[in-house]
PDB file of N, CA and C in Angstrom:
ATOM      1  N   MET A   1     185.681 126.106 136.323  1.00  0.00           N
ATOM      2  CA  MET A   1     184.638 124.910 136.365  1.00  0.00           C
ATOM      3  C   MET A   1     184.113 125.344 134.772  1.00  0.00           C
ATOM      4  N   ALA A   2     183.792 123.965 134.590  1.00  0.00           N
ATOM      5  CA  ALA A   2     183.653 124.277 132.997  1.00  0.00           C
ATOM      6  C   ALA A   2     182.244 123.505 132.760  1.00  0.00           C
ATOM      7  N   LYS A   3     181.913 124.338 131.786  1.00  0.00           N
ATOM      8  CA  LYS A   3     180.318 123.895 131.246  1.00  0.00           C
ATOM      9  C   LYS A   3     180.263 122.189 130.410  1.00  0.00           C
ATOM     10  N   ASN A   4     178.697 122.599 131.643  1.00  0.00           N
ATOM     11  CA  ASN A   4     177.975 121.328 131.076  1.00  0.00           C
ATOM     12  C   ASN A   4     177.780 121.355 129.221  1.00  0.00           C
ATOM     13  N   HIS A   5     178.743 120.081 128.666  1.00  0.00           N
ATOM     14  CA  HIS A   5     178.227 120.129 127.084  1.00  0.00           C
ATOM     15  C   HIS A   5     176.980 119.203 127.402  1.00  0.00           C
ATOM     16  N   GLY A   6     176.461 118.376 128.120  1.00  0.00           N
ATOM     17  CA  GLY A   6     175.838 117.752 128.007  1.00  0.00           C
ATOM     18  C   GLY A   6     176.015 116.058 127.746  1.00  0.00           C
ATOM     19  N   PRO A   7     175.227 114.935 127.331  1.00  0.00           N
ATOM     20  CA  PRO A   7     175.459 113.240 127.915  1.00  0.00           C
ATOM     21  C   PRO A   7     176.813 113.537 126.826  1.00  0.00           C
ATOM     22  N   SER A   8     176.874 113.689 125.498  1.00  0.00           N
ATOM     23  CA  SER A   8     177.440 113.440 124.329  1.00  0.00           C
ATOM     24  C   SER A   8     179.048 113.888 124.370  1.00  0.00           C
ATOM     25  N   ILE A   9     179.329 114.620 125.688  1.00  0.00           N
ATOM     26  CA  ILE A   9     180.909 115.040 125.932  1.00  0.00           C
ATOM     27  C   ILE A   9     181.142 114.212 127.220  1.00  0.00           C
ATOM     28  N   LYS A  10     182.274 113.378 127.301  1.00  0.00           N
ATOM     29  CA  LYS A  10     182.485 112.672 128.430  1.00  0.00           C
ATOM     30  C   LYS A  10     183.425 113.803 129.242  1.00  0.00           C
ATOM     31  N   ASP A  11     184.262 114.306 128.752  1.00  0.00           N
ATOM     32  CA  ASP A  11     185.389 115.481 129.462  1.00  0.00           C
ATOM     33  C   ASP A  11     185.171 116.693 129.363  1.00  0.00           C
ATOM     34  N   ASP A  12     184.284 117.432 129.652  1.00  0.00           N
ATOM     35  CA  ASP A  12     183.719 119.033 129.657  1.00  0.00           C
ATOM     36  C   ASP A  12     184.835 119.622 129.693  1.00  0.00           C
ATOM     37  N   GLU A  13     185.927 119.524 130.291  1.00  0.00           N
ATOM     38  CA  GLU A  13     186.980 120.508 130.489  1.00  0.00           C
ATOM     39  C   GLU A  13     187.951 120.125 129.638  1.00  0.00           C
ATOM     40  N   GLN A  14     188.787 118.979 128.756  1.00  0.00           N
ATOM     41  CA  GLN A  14     189.533 118.480 127.778  1.00  0.00           C
ATOM     42  C   GLN A  14     188.691 119.251 126.732  1.00  0.00           C
ATOM     43  N   TYR A  15     187.088 118.885 126.563  1.00  0.00           N
ATOM     44  CA  TYR A  15     186.697 119.711 125.070  1.00  0.00           C
ATOM     45  C   TYR A  15     186.924 120.985 124.972  1.00  0.00           C
ATOM     46  N   GLU A  16     186.605 121.757 126.311  1.00  0.00           N
ATOM     47  CA  GLU A  16     186.762 123.200 125.947  1.00  0.00           C
ATOM     48  C   GLU A  16     188.074 123.611 125.622  1.00  0.00           C
ATOM     49  N   ARG A  17     189.029 123.297 126.739  1.00  0.00           N
ATOM     50  CA  ARG A  17     190.241 123.448 126.218  1.00  0.00           C
ATOM     51  C   ARG A  17     190.737 123.422 124.856  1.00  0.00           C
ATOM     52  N   LEU A  18     190.146 122.118 124.066  1.00  0.00           N
ATOM     53  CA  LEU A  18     190.381 122.138 122.745  1.00  0.00           C
ATOM     54  C   LEU A  18     189.445 122.844 121.804  1.00  0.00           C
ATOM     55  N   ARG A  19     188.751 123.380 122.248  1.00  0.00           N
ATOM     56  CA  ARG A  19     188.203 123.740 121.549  1.00  0.00           C
ATOM     57  C   ARG A  19     188.710 125.520 121.750  1.00  0.00           C
ATOM     58  N   GLU A  20     189.141 125.711 122.805  1.00  0.00           N
ATOM     59  CA  GLU A  20     190.226 127.081 122.775  1.00  0.00           C
ATOM     60  C   GLU A  20     191.446 126.793 122.177  1.00  0.00           C
ATOM     61  N   GLN A  21     191.982 125.928 121.724  1.00  0.00           N
ATOM     62  CA  GLN A  21     193.237 126.171 121.115  1.00  0.00           C
ATOM     63  C   GLN A  21     192.814 126.272 119.815  1.00  0.00           C
ATOM     64  N   GLY A  22     191.618 125.816 119.286  1.00  0.00           N
ATOM     65  CA  GLY A  22     191.428 126.172 117.485  1.00  0.00           C
ATOM     66  C   GLY A  22     190.734 124.619 117.249  1.00  0.00           C
ATOM     67  N   HIS A  23     190.329 123.781 117.978  1.00  0.00           N
ATOM     68  CA  HIS A  23     190.225 122.715 117.350  1.00  0.00           C
ATOM     69  C   HIS A  23     188.484 122.283 116.631  1.00  0.00           C
ATOM     70  N   SER A  24     188.234 122.199 115.885  1.00  0.00           N
ATOM     71  CA  SER A  24     186.624 121.868 115.497  1.00  0.00           C
ATOM     72  C   SER A  24     185.888 120.967 116.972  1.00  0.00           C
ATOM     73  N   LYS A  25     184.572 121.619 116.706  1.00  0.00           N
ATOM     74  CA  LYS A  25     183.889 120.783 117.864  1.00  0.00           C
ATOM     75  C   LYS A  25     183.644 119.041 117.712  1.00  0.00           C
ATOM     76  N   GLU A  26     183.939 118.538 116.126  1.00  0.00           N
ATOM     77  CA  GLU A  26     183.737 117.480 116.051  1.00  0.00           C
ATOM     78  C   GLU A  26     185.066 116.914 116.627  1.00  0.00           C
ATOM     79  N   LYS A  27     186.523 117.395 116.343  1.00  0.00           N
ATOM     80  CA  LYS A  27     187.471 116.758 116.664  1.00  0.00           C
ATOM     81  C   LYS A  27     187.736 117.175 118.485  1.00  0.00           C
ATOM     82  N   ALA A  28     187.236 117.912 119.122  1.00  0.00           N
ATOM     83  CA  ALA A  28     187.163 118.408 120.084  1.00  0.00           C
ATOM     84  C   ALA A  28     186.291 117.066 120.957  1.00  0.00           C
ATOM     85  N   ALA A  29     185.236 116.719 120.548  1.00  0.00           N
ATOM     86  CA  ALA A  29     184.363 116.088 120.762  1.00  0.00           C
ATOM     87  C   ALA A  29     184.684 114.672 120.774  1.00  0.00           C
ATOM     88  N   ARG A  30     186.038 114.445 119.841  1.00  0.00           N
ATOM     89  CA  ARG A  30     186.042 112.830 119.490  1.00  0.00           C
ATOM     90  C   ARG A  30     187.176 112.651 120.408  1.00  0.00           C
ATOM     91  N   ILE A  31     188.323 113.736 121.015  1.00  0.00           N
ATOM     92  CA  ILE A  31     189.081 113.797 121.459  1.00  0.00           C
ATOM     93  C   ILE A  31     188.924 113.512 123.083  1.00  0.00           C
ATOM     94  N   ALA A  32     187.926 114.391 123.381  1.00  0.00           N
ATOM     95  CA  ALA A  32     187.498 114.091 124.870  1.00  0.00           C
ATOM     96  C   ALA A  32     186.295 112.814 125.396  1.00  0.00           C
ATOM     97  N   ASN A  33     186.018 112.298 124.114  1.00  0.00           N
ATOM     98  CA  ASN A  33     185.220 111.272 124.294  1.00  0.00           C
ATOM     99  C   ASN A  33     186.137 110.044 124.152  1.00  0.00           C
ATOM    100  N   THR A  34     187.397 110.163 124.140  1.00  0.00           N
ATOM    101  CA  THR A  34     188.447 108.995 123.779  1.00  0.00           C
ATOM    102  C   THR A  34     188.710 107.996 125.241  1.00  0.00           C
ATOM    103  N   ASP A  35     188.507 106.864 125.532  1.00  0.00           N
ATOM    104  CA  ASP A  35     189.183 106.022 126.616  1.00  0.00           C
ATOM    105  C   ASP A  35     190.724 106.411 126.580  1.00  0.00           C
ATOM    106  N   ARG A  36     191.215 107.500 127.693  1.00  0.00           N
ATOM    107  CA  ARG A  36     192.742 107.298 127.713  1.00  0.00           C
ATOM    108  C   ARG A  36     193.706 105.875 128.094  1.00  0.00           C
ATOM    109  N   THR A  37     192.698 105.235 128.892  1.00  0.00           N
ATOM    110  CA  THR A  37     193.414 104.019 129.092  1.00  0.00           C
ATOM    111  C   THR A  37     193.540 103.304 127.775  1.00  0.00           C
ATOM    112  N   LYS A  38     192.953 103.061 126.557  1.00  0.00           N
ATOM    113  CA  LYS A  38     193.056 102.206 125.391  1.00  0.00           C
ATOM    114  C   LYS A  38     193.554 103.052 124.108  1.00  0.00           C
ATOM    115  N   ALA A  39     193.448 104.414 124.186  1.00  0.00           N
ATOM    116  CA  ALA A  39     193.620 105.024 123.364  1.00  0.00           C
ATOM    117  C   ALA A  39     195.452 105.043 122.983  1.00  0.00           C
ATOM    118  N   GLY A  40     196.502 105.079 123.828  1.00  0.00           N
ATOM    119  CA  GLY A  40     197.865 104.787 123.499  1.00  0.00           C
ATOM    120  C   GLY A  40     198.128 103.494 123.158  1.00  0.00           C
ATOM    121  N   LYS A  41     197.432 102.323 123.621  1.00  0.00           N
ATOM    122  CA  LYS A  41     197.700 101.096 122.814  1.00  0.00           C
ATOM    123  C   LYS A  41     197.087 101.217 121.367  1.00  0.00           C
ATOM    124  N   ARG A  42     196.434 101.674 120.854  1.00  0.00           N
ATOM    125  CA  ARG A  42     195.728 101.883 119.495  1.00  0.00           C
ATOM    126  C   ARG A  42     196.666 101.994 118.608  1.00  0.00           C
ATOM    127  N   GLY A  43     197.581 103.377 118.732  1.00  0.00           N
ATOM    128  CA  GLY A  43     198.445 104.126 117.904  1.00  0.00           C
ATOM    129  C   GLY A  43     199.421 103.693 117.748  1.00  0.00           C
ATOM    130  N   GLY A  44     199.672 104.202 116.497  1.00  0.00           N
ATOM    131  CA  GLY A  44     200.916 103.990 115.768  1.00  0.00           C
ATOM    132  C   GLY A  44     201.114 102.529 114.721  1.00  0.00           C
ATOM    133  N   GLU A  45     200.130 102.165 114.244  1.00  0.00           N
ATOM    134  CA  GLU A  45     199.604 101.051 113.556  1.00  0.00           C
ATOM    135  C   GLU A  45     200.121 101.046 112.365  1.00  0.00           C
ATOM    136  N   ALA A  46     199.630 102.249 111.926  1.00  0.00           N
ATOM    137  CA  ALA A  46     199.606 102.770 110.276  1.00  0.00           C
ATOM    138  C   ALA A  46     200.748 103.328 109.839  1.00  0.00           C
ATOM    139  N   PRO A  47     201.493 103.063 108.524  1.00  0.00           N
ATOM    140  CA  PRO A  47     202.909 103.837 108.373  1.00  0.00           C
ATOM    141  C   PRO A  47     202.282 105.404 108.467  1.00  0.00           C
ATOM    142  N   PRO A  48     202.946 106.164 108.275  1.00  0.00           N
ATOM    143  CA  PRO A  48     203.282 107.965 108.132  1.00  0.00           C
ATOM    144  C   PRO A  48     202.583 108.267 106.435  1.00  0.00           C
ATOM    145  N   TYR A  49     202.091 109.074 106.816  1.00  0.00           N
ATOM    146  CA  TYR A  49     201.009 109.415 105.617  1.00  0.00           C
ATOM    147  C   TYR A  49     202.229 109.682 104.504  1.00  0.00           C
ATOM    148  N   GLU A  50     203.479 110.138 104.606  1.00  0.00           N
ATOM    149  CA  GLU A  50     204.272 109.995 103.590  1.00  0.00           C
ATOM    150  C   GLU A  50     204.735 108.947 102.597  1.00  0.00           C
ATOM    151  N   GLU A  51     204.403 107.767 103.613  1.00  0.00           N
ATOM    152  CA  GLU A  51     204.457 106.734 102.718  1.00  0.00           C
ATOM    153  C   GLU A  51     203.615 105.924 102.266  1.00  0.00           C
ATOM    154  N   TRP A  52     202.114 106.806 102.367  1.00  0.00           N
ATOM    155  CA  TRP A  52     201.079 106.744 101.639  1.00  0.00           C
ATOM    156  C   TRP A  52     201.030 106.913 100.236  1.00  0.00           C
ATOM    157  N   THR A  53     200.794 106.258  98.952  1.00  0.00           N
ATOM    158  CA  THR A  53     200.394 106.653  98.019  1.00  0.00           C
ATOM    159  C   THR A  53     199.092 107.724  97.574  1.00  0.00           C
ATOM    160  N   VAL A  54     199.182 108.572  96.654  1.00  0.00           N
ATOM    161  CA  VAL A  54     198.243 109.409  96.152  1.00  0.00           C
ATOM    162  C   VAL A  54     196.723 108.928  96.642  1.00  0.00           C
ATOM    163  N   LYS A  55     196.977 107.757  95.649  1.00  0.00           N
ATOM    164  CA  LYS A  55     195.759 106.937  95.697  1.00  0.00           C
ATOM    165  C   LYS A  55     195.058 106.350  97.388  1.00  0.00           C
ATOM    166  N   GLU A  56     195.803 106.315  97.701  1.00  0.00           N
ATOM    167  CA  GLU A  56     195.619 105.854  99.312  1.00  0.00           C
ATOM    168  C   GLU A  56     195.093 107.445 100.402  1.00  0.00           C
ATOM    169  N   LEU A  57     195.790 108.115 100.092  1.00  0.00           N
ATOM    170  CA  LEU A  57     195.554 109.212 100.692  1.00  0.00           C
ATOM    171  C   LEU A  57     194.276 109.888 100.460  1.00  0.00           C
ATOM    172  N   GLY A  58     193.850 109.955  99.381  1.00  0.00           N
ATOM    173  CA  GLY A  58     192.445 109.965  98.629  1.00  0.00           C
ATOM    174  C   GLY A  58     191.413 109.381  98.997  1.00  0.00           C
ATOM    175  N   GLN A  59     191.917 108.134  99.182  1.00  0.00           N
ATOM    176  CA  GLN A  59     190.753 107.044  99.556  1.00  0.00           C
ATOM    177  C   GLN A  59     190.300 107.460 101.061  1.00  0.00           C
ATOM    178  N   ARG A  60     191.189 108.106 102.222  1.00  0.00           N
ATOM    179  CA  ARG A  60     191.246 108.156 103.409  1.00  0.00           C
ATOM    180  C   ARG A  60     190.168 109.207 103.486  1.00  0.00           C
ATOM    181  N   ALA A  61     190.774 110.386 102.748  1.00  0.00           N
ATOM    182  CA  ALA A  61     190.308 111.774 102.397  1.00  0.00           C
ATOM    183  C   ALA A  61     188.637 111.365 102.234  1.00  0.00           C
ATOM    184  N   ARG A  62     188.032 110.372 101.349  1.00  0.00           N
ATOM    185  CA  ARG A  62     187.370 110.486 101.077  1.00  0.00           C
ATOM    186  C   ARG A  62     186.290 109.935 102.109  1.00  0.00           C
ATOM    187  N   GLU A  63     186.930 108.601 103.145  1.00  0.00           N
ATOM    188  CA  GLU A  63     186.175 107.982 104.019  1.00  0.00           C
ATOM    189  C   GLU A  63     185.531 108.873 105.082  1.00  0.00           C
ATOM    190  N   ILE A  64     186.566 110.064 105.311  1.00  0.00           N
ATOM    191  CA  ILE A  64     186.055 111.018 106.567  1.00  0.00           C
ATOM    192  C   ILE A  64     185.508 112.170 105.810  1.00  0.00           C
ATOM    193  N   GLY A  65     185.299 112.315 104.401  1.00  0.00           N
ATOM    194  CA  GLY A  65     184.496 113.663 104.013  1.00  0.00           C
ATOM    195  C   GLY A  65     185.469 114.808 104.081  1.00  0.00           C
ATOM    196  N   ILE A  66     186.478 114.706 103.754  1.00  0.00           N
ATOM    197  CA  ILE A  66     187.000 115.975 103.138  1.00  0.00           C
ATOM    198  C   ILE A  66     187.073 116.108 101.835  1.00  0.00           C
ATOM    199  N   ARG A  67     186.310 117.660 101.499  1.00  0.00           N
ATOM    200  CA  ARG A  67     186.167 118.060 100.406  1.00  0.00           C
ATOM    201  C   ARG A  67     187.118 118.476  99.260  1.00  0.00           C
ATOM    202  N   GLY A  68     186.949 118.612  98.131  1.00  0.00           N
ATOM    203  CA  GLY A  68     188.035 119.368  97.285  1.00  0.00           C
ATOM    204  C   GLY A  68     189.251 118.289  97.315  1.00  0.00           C
ATOM    205  N   ARG A  69     188.979 116.916  97.628  1.00  0.00           N
ATOM    206  CA  ARG A  69     190.372 116.205  97.599  1.00  0.00           C
ATOM    207  C   ARG A  69     191.236 115.425  96.166  1.00  0.00           C
ATOM    208  N   THR A  70     190.129 115.839  95.271  1.00  0.00           N
ATOM    209  CA  THR A  70     190.688 115.187  93.847  1.00  0.00           C
ATOM    210  C   THR A  70     191.429 116.222  93.002  1.00  0.00           C
ATOM    211  N   ARG A  71     191.087 117.661  94.210  1.00  0.00           N
ATOM    212  CA  ARG A  71     192.032 118.881  92.988  1.00  0.00           C
ATOM    213  C   ARG A  71     193.207 118.963  93.840  1.00  0.00           C
ATOM    214  N   MET A  72     193.603 118.150  94.680  1.00  0.00           N
ATOM    215  CA  MET A  72     194.734 118.438  96.477  1.00  0.00           C
ATOM    216  C   MET A  72     195.794 117.487  95.383  1.00  0.00           C
ATOM    217  N   ASN A  73     197.367 117.578  95.902  1.00  0.00           N
ATOM    218  CA  ASN A  73     198.397 117.013  95.760  1.00  0.00           C
ATOM    219  C   ASN A  73     198.754 115.954  96.732  1.00  0.00           C
ATOM    220  N   LYS A  74     200.057 115.323  96.962  1.00  0.00           N
ATOM    221  CA  LYS A  74     199.930 114.464  98.314  1.00  0.00           C
ATOM    222  C   LYS A  74     200.425 115.649  99.513  1.00  0.00           C
ATOM    223  N   GLU A  75     201.023 116.700  99.400  1.00  0.00           N
ATOM    224  CA  GLU A  75     201.233 117.143 100.187  1.00  0.00           C
ATOM    225  C   GLU A  75     200.244 117.469 101.100  1.00  0.00           C
ATOM    226  N   ALA A  76     198.975 118.256 100.004  1.00  0.00           N
ATOM    227  CA  ALA A  76     197.579 119.034 100.347  1.00  0.00           C
ATOM    228  C   ALA A  76     196.813 117.813 101.221  1.00  0.00           C
ATOM    229  N   LEU A  77     197.072 116.605 100.456  1.00  0.00           N
ATOM    230  CA  LEU A  77     196.456 115.905 101.389  1.00  0.00           C
ATOM    231  C   LEU A  77     196.604 115.363 102.482  1.00  0.00           C
ATOM    232  N   ILE A  78     198.128 115.299 102.749  1.00  0.00           N
ATOM    233  CA  ILE A  78     198.338 115.159 103.893  1.00  0.00           C
ATOM    234  C   ILE A  78     197.814 115.933 104.900  1.00  0.00           C
ATOM    235  N   LYS A  79     198.373 117.238 104.643  1.00  0.00           N
ATOM    236  CA  LYS A  79     197.457 118.140 105.490  1.00  0.00           C
ATOM    237  C   LYS A  79     196.710 118.454 105.760  1.00  0.00           C
ATOM    238  N   ALA A  80     195.683 118.086 104.868  1.00  0.00           N
ATOM    239  CA  ALA A  80     193.976 117.884 105.142  1.00  0.00           C
ATOM    240  C   ALA A  80     193.403 116.918 106.181  1.00  0.00           C
ATOM    241  N   LEU A  81     194.440 115.850 105.811  1.00  0.00           N
ATOM    242  CA  LEU A  81     194.022 114.870 107.121  1.00  0.00           C
ATOM    243  C   LEU A  81     194.345 115.044 108.567  1.00  0.00           C
ATOM    244  N   ARG A  82     195.847 115.574 108.556  1.00  0.00           N
ATOM    245  CA  ARG A  82     196.274 116.108 109.827  1.00  0.00           C
ATOM    246  C   ARG A  82     195.611 116.779 110.394  1.00  0.00           C
ATOM    247  N   ARG A  83     194.883 117.935 109.684  1.00  0.00           N
ATOM    248  CA  ARG A  83     193.737 118.884 110.145  1.00  0.00           C
ATOM    249  C   ARG A  83     192.595 118.266 110.447  1.00  0.00           C
ATOM    250  N   HIS A  84     192.398 117.096 110.170  1.00  0.00           N
ATOM    251  CA  HIS A  84     190.776 116.988 110.017  1.00  0.00           C
ATOM    252  C   HIS A  84     190.797 116.161 111.802  1.00  0.00           C
TER     253      HIS A  84
END
């Protein structure tokens, strides 16, 4: 039985599984609160990160609050974005 994480988490079981897999609280909550019927329809619209420029990757990293991005090369930015 999953612990109740309050009204801010819609799917407590999925949240706990994601946390056990090592995901951050923020990422686990974001995934657990996603409406699964709409999620698949939204995905796949952007090109893969490998096709982005370093400037575009840096801007996206800034938007989501990744620290140290100005010292990162393209590969490090991609890794940080995917980890977030």
